[in-house]
Amino acid sequence: MTKQKPRQSLAGFSLYRGLGTSIYVLFIIRIINRFGDFVQLLLVLILTGKLNLTPAQAGFFVSLSVAA
């Protein structure tokens, strides 16, 4: 039998093994935060495309959601 090499795409992740739990928690939290940013983009598209609001009105609503 031949020894299989690790997949090349996962080879770079070996650097991150053995890090503390707090690092992994921060990583997950940052991913969730970025999903929130994506939701704001979708909110603008829905407000302008489906509800026919002007860009200024959509910007106002997004500003309110950021401030909340």
Protein backbone atom coordinates (compact mmCIF):
# COMPACT_ATOMS: atom_id res chain seq x y z
CA MET A 1 0.00 0.00 0.00
CA THR A 2 1.09 3.52 -0.68
CA LYS A 3 0.97 6.22 1.87
CA GLN A 4 -1.52 8.94 0.93
CA LYS A 5 -0.42 12.54 1.10
CA PRO A 6 -2.70 14.97 2.91
CA ARG A 7 -4.85 16.95 0.59
CA GLN A 8 -3.06 20.07 -0.55
CA SER A 9 -6.01 22.35 0.24
CA LEU A 10 -6.01 21.34 3.92
CA ALA A 11 -2.25 21.43 4.39
CA GLY A 12 -2.25 25.12 5.33
CA PHE A 13 -4.69 24.56 8.19
CA SER A 14 -2.18 22.51 10.16
CA LEU A 15 -0.73 25.81 11.40
CA TYR A 16 -3.89 26.47 13.38
CA ARG A 17 -4.03 23.19 15.29
CA GLY A 18 -3.38 23.50 18.98
CA LEU A 19 -4.51 27.10 19.34
CA GLY A 20 -6.45 28.07 22.42
CA THR A 21 -10.22 27.75 22.64
CA SER A 22 -10.61 31.52 22.83
CA ILE A 23 -9.07 31.88 19.37
CA TYR A 24 -11.60 29.45 17.88
CA VAL A 25 -14.47 31.22 19.65
CA LEU A 26 -13.34 34.60 18.31
CA PHE A 27 -13.09 33.13 14.81
CA ILE A 28 -16.66 31.80 14.94
CA ILE A 29 -17.96 35.10 16.33
CA ARG A 30 -16.28 37.03 13.52
CA ILE A 31 -17.90 34.77 10.92
CA ILE A 32 -21.32 35.35 12.47
CA ASN A 33 -20.63 39.09 12.48
CA ARG A 34 -19.80 39.04 8.77
CA PHE A 35 -23.10 37.28 8.04
CA GLY A 36 -24.78 40.28 9.67
CA ASP A 37 -23.01 42.58 7.23
CA PHE A 38 -24.29 40.46 4.36
CA VAL A 39 -27.85 40.76 5.69
CA GLN A 40 -27.56 44.54 5.53
CA LEU A 41 -26.62 44.31 1.86
CA LEU A 42 -29.62 42.11 1.18
CA LEU A 43 -31.83 44.55 3.08
CA VAL A 44 -30.79 47.34 0.72
CA LEU A 45 -31.48 45.18 -2.32
CA ILE A 46 -34.92 44.19 -1.04
CA LEU A 47 -35.86 47.74 -0.05
CA THR A 48 -34.86 49.21 -3.41
CA GLY A 49 -35.80 46.31 -5.69
CA LYS A 50 -38.99 44.88 -4.23
CA LEU A 51 -40.39 47.76 -2.17
CA ASN A 52 -39.37 50.48 -4.64
CA LEU A 53 -37.76 52.75 -2.06
CA THR A 54 -35.27 55.34 -3.19
CA PRO A 55 -31.61 54.75 -2.35
CA ALA A 56 -31.82 57.58 0.22
CA GLN A 57 -34.76 55.92 1.98
CA ALA A 58 -33.07 52.53 1.93
CA GLY A 59 -29.90 54.11 3.33
CA PHE A 60 -31.94 55.68 6.12
CA PHE A 61 -33.42 52.32 7.13
CA VAL A 62 -30.04 50.60 7.01
CA SER A 63 -28.57 53.40 9.14
CA LEU A 64 -31.32 52.79 11.68
CA SER A 65 -30.55 49.08 11.75
CA VAL A 66 -26.85 49.78 12.30
CA ALA A 67 -27.57 52.25 15.09
CA ALA A 68 -29.89 49.82 16.89
